[in-house]
């Protein structure tokens, strides 16, 4: 293999990796949108964590962690 073959291979690999990552990103966005529409999670509440970060702030979820894990196992 000479250097032009390697350069072409790197170009194709970077192009296909970019396409793959874009497809994965859009798939993840669609997953988040669908799960929010179904009412499984409200991701906007989690987005406000960084803005409302006081010790006396209300929790994002009312259930304690131990109770959430018990509910998920059922």
N, C-alpha and C. Protein backbone atom coordinates (compact mmCIF):
# COMPACT_ATOMS: atom_id res chain seq x y z
N UNK A 1 0.84 -1.19 0.00
CA UNK A 1 0.00 0.00 0.00
C UNK A 1 0.88 1.24 0.00
N UNK A 2 0.54 2.15 -0.85
CA UNK A 2 1.27 3.41 -0.82
C UNK A 2 0.45 4.45 -0.05
N UNK A 3 0.98 5.64 0.05
CA UNK A 3 0.37 6.66 0.92
C UNK A 3 -0.98 7.14 0.38
N UNK A 4 -1.20 7.10 -0.93
CA UNK A 4 -2.49 7.55 -1.45
C UNK A 4 -3.60 6.57 -1.09
N UNK A 5 -3.28 5.26 -1.07
CA UNK A 5 -4.27 4.27 -0.67
C UNK A 5 -4.66 4.45 0.79
N UNK A 6 -3.68 4.71 1.63
CA UNK A 6 -3.95 4.91 3.06
C UNK A 6 -4.76 6.18 3.27
N UNK A 7 -4.43 7.24 2.53
CA UNK A 7 -5.18 8.49 2.66
C UNK A 7 -6.62 8.31 2.21
N UNK A 8 -6.83 7.57 1.11
CA UNK A 8 -8.19 7.30 0.66
C UNK A 8 -8.96 6.47 1.69
N UNK A 9 -8.31 5.48 2.25
CA UNK A 9 -8.94 4.64 3.26
C UNK A 9 -9.32 5.47 4.49
N UNK A 10 -8.44 6.36 4.90
CA UNK A 10 -8.74 7.22 6.04
C UNK A 10 -9.90 8.16 5.72
N UNK A 11 -9.95 8.66 4.51
CA UNK A 11 -11.05 9.53 4.11
C UNK A 11 -12.39 8.81 4.13
N UNK A 12 -12.42 7.60 3.56
CA UNK A 12 -13.65 6.82 3.58
C UNK A 12 -14.06 6.46 5.00
N UNK A 13 -13.09 6.07 5.81
CA UNK A 13 -13.39 5.69 7.19
C UNK A 13 -13.96 6.87 7.97
N UNK A 14 -13.39 8.05 7.81
CA UNK A 14 -13.89 9.22 8.54
C UNK A 14 -15.28 9.60 8.05
N UNK A 15 -15.53 9.49 6.74
CA UNK A 15 -16.86 9.79 6.21
C UNK A 15 -17.91 8.84 6.78
N UNK A 16 -17.64 7.54 6.74
CA UNK A 16 -18.61 6.57 7.23
C UNK A 16 -18.77 6.65 8.75
N UNK A 17 -17.71 6.99 9.47
CA UNK A 17 -17.83 7.17 10.92
C UNK A 17 -18.71 8.38 11.22
N UNK A 18 -18.56 9.44 10.46
CA UNK A 18 -19.39 10.63 10.65
C UNK A 18 -20.86 10.31 10.37
N UNK A 19 -21.13 9.60 9.29
CA UNK A 19 -22.50 9.22 8.97
C UNK A 19 -23.08 8.33 10.06
N UNK A 20 -22.30 7.38 10.54
CA UNK A 20 -22.75 6.49 11.61
C UNK A 20 -23.08 7.28 12.88
N UNK A 21 -22.21 8.21 13.26
CA UNK A 21 -22.46 8.99 14.47
C UNK A 21 -23.67 9.91 14.33
N UNK A 22 -23.88 10.46 13.15
CA UNK A 22 -25.07 11.29 12.92
C UNK A 22 -26.33 10.45 13.05
N UNK A 23 -26.33 9.24 12.50
CA UNK A 23 -27.48 8.35 12.61
C UNK A 23 -27.73 7.99 14.08
N UNK A 24 -26.68 7.72 14.82
CA UNK A 24 -26.82 7.40 16.24
C UNK A 24 -27.39 8.59 17.01
N UNK A 25 -26.92 9.79 16.69
CA UNK A 25 -27.41 10.99 17.37
C UNK A 25 -28.89 11.19 17.11
N UNK A 26 -29.30 11.09 15.85
CA UNK A 26 -30.72 11.25 15.55
C UNK A 26 -31.56 10.14 16.17
N UNK A 27 -31.05 8.94 16.22
CA UNK A 27 -31.76 7.85 16.89
C UNK A 27 -31.96 8.12 18.37
N UNK A 28 -30.94 8.67 19.01
CA UNK A 28 -31.04 8.99 20.44
C UNK A 28 -32.03 10.13 20.67
N UNK A 29 -32.03 11.11 19.79
CA UNK A 29 -32.98 12.22 19.91
C UNK A 29 -34.40 11.71 19.75
N UNK A 30 -34.63 10.83 18.80
CA UNK A 30 -35.96 10.26 18.60
C UNK A 30 -36.37 9.43 19.81
N UNK A 31 -35.42 8.67 20.37
CA UNK A 31 -35.71 7.87 21.57
C UNK A 31 -36.14 8.78 22.73
N UNK A 32 -35.42 9.88 22.95
CA UNK A 32 -35.77 10.80 24.03
C UNK A 32 -37.15 11.42 23.78
N UNK A 33 -37.41 11.80 22.55
CA UNK A 33 -38.69 12.42 22.22
C UNK A 33 -39.84 11.44 22.46
N UNK A 34 -39.69 10.21 22.02
CA UNK A 34 -40.75 9.21 22.19
C UNK A 34 -40.99 8.87 23.65
N UNK A 35 -39.91 8.72 24.42
CA UNK A 35 -40.10 8.37 25.83
C UNK A 35 -40.73 9.52 26.60
N UNK A 36 -40.46 10.75 26.19
CA UNK A 36 -41.10 11.89 26.85
C UNK A 36 -42.58 11.96 26.46
N UNK A 37 -42.90 11.65 25.21
CA UNK A 37 -44.30 11.66 24.77
C UNK A 37 -45.11 10.57 25.46
N UNK A 38 -44.48 9.42 25.72
CA UNK A 38 -45.17 8.33 26.41
C UNK A 38 -45.38 8.63 27.88
N UNK A 39 -44.66 9.60 28.41
CA UNK A 39 -44.79 9.96 29.81
C UNK A 39 -43.86 9.18 30.71
N UNK A 40 -42.87 8.49 30.15
CA UNK A 40 -41.95 7.71 30.98
C UNK A 40 -41.03 8.62 31.79
N UNK A 41 -40.53 9.67 31.17
CA UNK A 41 -39.64 10.61 31.84
C UNK A 41 -39.91 12.02 31.33
N UNK A 42 -39.65 12.99 32.19
CA UNK A 42 -39.72 14.39 31.79
C UNK A 42 -38.29 14.92 31.82
N UNK A 43 -37.66 14.93 30.66
CA UNK A 43 -36.25 15.28 30.59
C UNK A 43 -35.99 16.77 30.83
N UNK A 44 -37.02 17.61 30.72
CA UNK A 44 -36.81 19.02 31.00
C UNK A 44 -36.56 19.25 32.49
N UNK A 45 -37.13 18.39 33.33
CA UNK A 45 -36.85 18.49 34.76
C UNK A 45 -35.37 18.25 35.03
N UNK A 46 -34.80 17.27 34.34
CA UNK A 46 -33.39 16.96 34.53
C UNK A 46 -32.51 18.08 33.98
N UNK A 47 -32.97 18.76 32.95
CA UNK A 47 -32.21 19.88 32.39
C UNK A 47 -32.16 21.07 33.31
N UNK A 48 -33.14 21.19 34.20
CA UNK A 48 -33.15 22.32 35.13
C UNK A 48 -32.27 22.09 36.36
N UNK A 49 -31.69 20.90 36.49
CA UNK A 49 -30.86 20.61 37.65
C UNK A 49 -29.69 21.59 37.74
N UNK A 50 -29.07 21.87 36.63
CA UNK A 50 -27.91 22.76 36.63
C UNK A 50 -28.31 24.19 36.98
N UNK A 51 -29.50 24.60 36.62
CA UNK A 51 -29.94 25.97 36.90
C UNK A 51 -30.45 26.13 38.32
N UNK A 52 -31.07 25.11 38.86
CA UNK A 52 -31.66 25.17 40.19
C UNK A 52 -30.91 24.22 41.11
N UNK A 53 -29.73 24.63 41.50
CA UNK A 53 -28.83 23.75 42.26
C UNK A 53 -28.59 24.31 43.66
N UNK A 54 -29.64 24.42 44.42
CA UNK A 54 -29.54 24.88 45.80
C UNK A 54 -29.80 23.71 46.74
N UNK A 55 -29.34 23.83 47.95
CA UNK A 55 -29.49 22.74 48.91
C UNK A 55 -30.97 22.54 49.28
N UNK A 56 -31.76 23.60 49.23
CA UNK A 56 -33.17 23.49 49.60
C UNK A 56 -34.09 23.37 48.39
N UNK A 57 -33.56 23.05 47.23
CA UNK A 57 -34.36 22.86 46.02
C UNK A 57 -35.18 21.59 46.13
N UNK A 58 -36.30 21.58 45.44
CA UNK A 58 -37.11 20.37 45.44
C UNK A 58 -36.44 19.31 44.58
N UNK A 59 -36.54 18.05 44.97
CA UNK A 59 -35.92 16.99 44.18
C UNK A 59 -36.60 16.81 42.82
N UNK A 60 -35.85 16.28 41.89
CA UNK A 60 -36.40 16.04 40.55
C UNK A 60 -37.42 14.93 40.61
N UNK A 61 -37.12 13.87 41.32
CA UNK A 61 -38.05 12.77 41.51
C UNK A 61 -38.35 12.64 42.99
N UNK A 62 -39.62 12.40 43.31
CA UNK A 62 -40.02 12.33 44.71
C UNK A 62 -39.60 11.05 45.40
N UNK A 63 -39.46 9.98 44.64
CA UNK A 63 -39.13 8.69 45.23
C UNK A 63 -37.67 8.63 45.64
N UNK A 64 -37.36 8.02 46.77
CA UNK A 64 -35.96 7.78 47.10
C UNK A 64 -35.37 6.73 46.16
N UNK A 65 -34.08 6.71 46.06
CA UNK A 65 -33.40 5.81 45.13
C UNK A 65 -33.74 4.35 45.39
N UNK A 66 -33.82 3.96 46.65
CA UNK A 66 -34.11 2.56 46.96
C UNK A 66 -35.50 2.16 46.46
N UNK A 67 -36.45 3.06 46.54
CA UNK A 67 -37.81 2.76 46.06
C UNK A 67 -37.85 2.68 44.54
N UNK A 68 -37.08 3.53 43.85
CA UNK A 68 -37.05 3.49 42.40
C UNK A 68 -36.54 2.14 41.92
N UNK A 69 -35.50 1.63 42.56
CA UNK A 69 -34.93 0.35 42.13
C UNK A 69 -35.92 -0.79 42.37
N UNK A 70 -36.68 -0.73 43.44
CA UNK A 70 -37.68 -1.76 43.69
C UNK A 70 -38.78 -1.71 42.64
N UNK A 71 -39.18 -0.50 42.25
CA UNK A 71 -40.22 -0.37 41.22
C UNK A 71 -39.73 -0.83 39.87
N UNK A 72 -38.46 -0.61 39.55
CA UNK A 72 -37.91 -1.02 38.26
C UNK A 72 -37.79 -2.54 38.16
N UNK A 73 -37.57 -3.22 39.27
CA UNK A 73 -37.42 -4.66 39.27
C UNK A 73 -38.75 -5.37 39.02
N UNK A 74 -39.86 -4.72 39.35
CA UNK A 74 -41.19 -5.35 39.21
C UNK A 74 -41.63 -5.39 37.81
